[in-house]
Amino acid sequence: MGKKVNVELLSTDRRIISRKLLAGEIYEKDLHGLLKKLPDVSDNAEEVNLDDSEK
């Protein structure tokens, strides 16, 4: 059975999450479960064009 995972962990830096995984403080399957529960907000994305001529 997995350890209880704090949902606020998802807003944490990837490096900290990696350290917690390596230390055994969280399990990868628990992290994947939390990531699957996140809503799809891809419709809110805006395309950004980085053209040098606009500088």
C-alpha atoms as a PDB file:
ATOM      1  CA  MET A   1       0.000   0.000   0.000  1.00  0.00           C
ATOM      2  CA  GLY A   2       1.351   3.450  -0.932  1.00  0.00           C
ATOM      3  CA  LYS A   3       2.125   6.210   1.479  1.00  0.00           C
ATOM      4  CA  LYS A   4      -0.298   9.100   1.789  1.00  0.00           C
ATOM      5  CA  VAL A   5       0.768  11.712  -0.754  1.00  0.00           C
ATOM      6  CA  ASN A   6       0.169  15.423  -0.296  1.00  0.00           C
ATOM      7  CA  VAL A   7      -1.600  16.879  -3.341  1.00  0.00           C
ATOM      8  CA  GLU A   8       0.434  20.098  -2.920  1.00  0.00           C
ATOM      9  CA  LEU A   9       3.426  18.031  -3.999  1.00  0.00           C
ATOM     10  CA  LEU A  10       2.320  18.519  -7.608  1.00  0.00           C
ATOM     11  CA  SER A  11       3.069  22.235  -7.393  1.00  0.00           C
ATOM     12  CA  THR A  12       6.575  21.434  -6.152  1.00  0.00           C
ATOM     13  CA  ASP A  13       9.683  21.690  -8.289  1.00  0.00           C
ATOM     14  CA  ARG A  14      10.531  18.559 -10.309  1.00  0.00           C
ATOM     15  CA  ARG A  15      13.906  18.240  -8.568  1.00  0.00           C
ATOM     16  CA  ILE A  16      12.265  18.027  -5.161  1.00  0.00           C
ATOM     17  CA  ILE A  17       9.792  15.436  -6.427  1.00  0.00           C
ATOM     18  CA  SER A  18      12.721  13.416  -7.821  1.00  0.00           C
ATOM     19  CA  ARG A  19      14.516  13.551  -4.468  1.00  0.00           C
ATOM     20  CA  LYS A  20      11.384  12.420  -2.647  1.00  0.00           C
ATOM     21  CA  LEU A  21      11.012   9.514  -5.082  1.00  0.00           C
ATOM     22  CA  LEU A  22      14.648   8.481  -4.564  1.00  0.00           C
ATOM     23  CA  ALA A  23      14.331   8.785  -0.788  1.00  0.00           C
ATOM     24  CA  GLY A  24      11.203   6.624  -0.758  1.00  0.00           C
ATOM     25  CA  GLU A  25       9.063   9.406   0.698  1.00  0.00           C
ATOM     26  CA  ILE A  26       6.606   8.944  -2.179  1.00  0.00           C
ATOM     27  CA  TYR A  27       6.004   6.160  -4.654  1.00  0.00           C
ATOM     28  CA  GLU A  28       5.985   6.591  -8.419  1.00  0.00           C
ATOM     29  CA  LYS A  29       2.587   4.902  -8.752  1.00  0.00           C
ATOM     30  CA  ASP A  30       1.092   7.393  -6.279  1.00  0.00           C
ATOM     31  CA  LEU A  31       2.579  10.303  -8.213  1.00  0.00           C
ATOM     32  CA  HIS A  32       1.201   8.955 -11.502  1.00  0.00           C
ATOM     33  CA  GLY A  33      -2.216   8.603  -9.890  1.00  0.00           C
ATOM     34  CA  LEU A  34      -2.183  12.238  -8.813  1.00  0.00           C
ATOM     35  CA  LEU A  35      -1.016  13.389 -12.232  1.00  0.00           C
ATOM     36  CA  LYS A  36      -3.896  11.523 -13.899  1.00  0.00           C
ATOM     37  CA  LYS A  37      -6.376  13.442 -11.738  1.00  0.00           C
ATOM     38  CA  LEU A  38      -5.178  16.834 -13.001  1.00  0.00           C
ATOM     39  CA  PRO A  39      -7.601  18.588 -15.340  1.00  0.00           C
ATOM     40  CA  ASP A  40      -6.712  19.122 -19.002  1.00  0.00           C
ATOM     41  CA  VAL A  41      -6.220  22.878 -19.393  1.00  0.00           C
ATOM     42  CA  SER A  42      -4.566  22.736 -22.808  1.00  0.00           C
ATOM     43  CA  ASP A  43      -7.411  24.844 -24.237  1.00  0.00           C
ATOM     44  CA  ASN A  44      -6.089  27.753 -22.142  1.00  0.00           C
ATOM     45  CA  ALA A  45      -2.727  27.695 -23.918  1.00  0.00           C
ATOM     46  CA  GLU A  46      -1.722  30.529 -26.196  1.00  0.00           C
ATOM     47  CA  GLU A  47       0.733  30.162 -29.048  1.00  0.00           C
ATOM     48  CA  VAL A  48       3.795  32.388 -28.751  1.00  0.00           C
ATOM     49  CA  ASN A  49       5.828  33.254 -31.830  1.00  0.00           C
ATOM     50  CA  LEU A  50       9.472  34.122 -31.130  1.00  0.00           C
ATOM     51  CA  ASP A  51      10.372  35.807 -34.374  1.00  0.00           C
ATOM     52  CA  ASP A  52      13.614  37.831 -34.311  1.00  0.00           C
ATOM     53  CA  SER A  53      12.115  40.552 -36.514  1.00  0.00           C
ATOM     54  CA  GLU A  54       9.660  41.576 -33.768  1.00  0.00           C
ATOM     55  CA  LYS A  55      12.372  42.720 -31.350  1.00  0.00           C
END
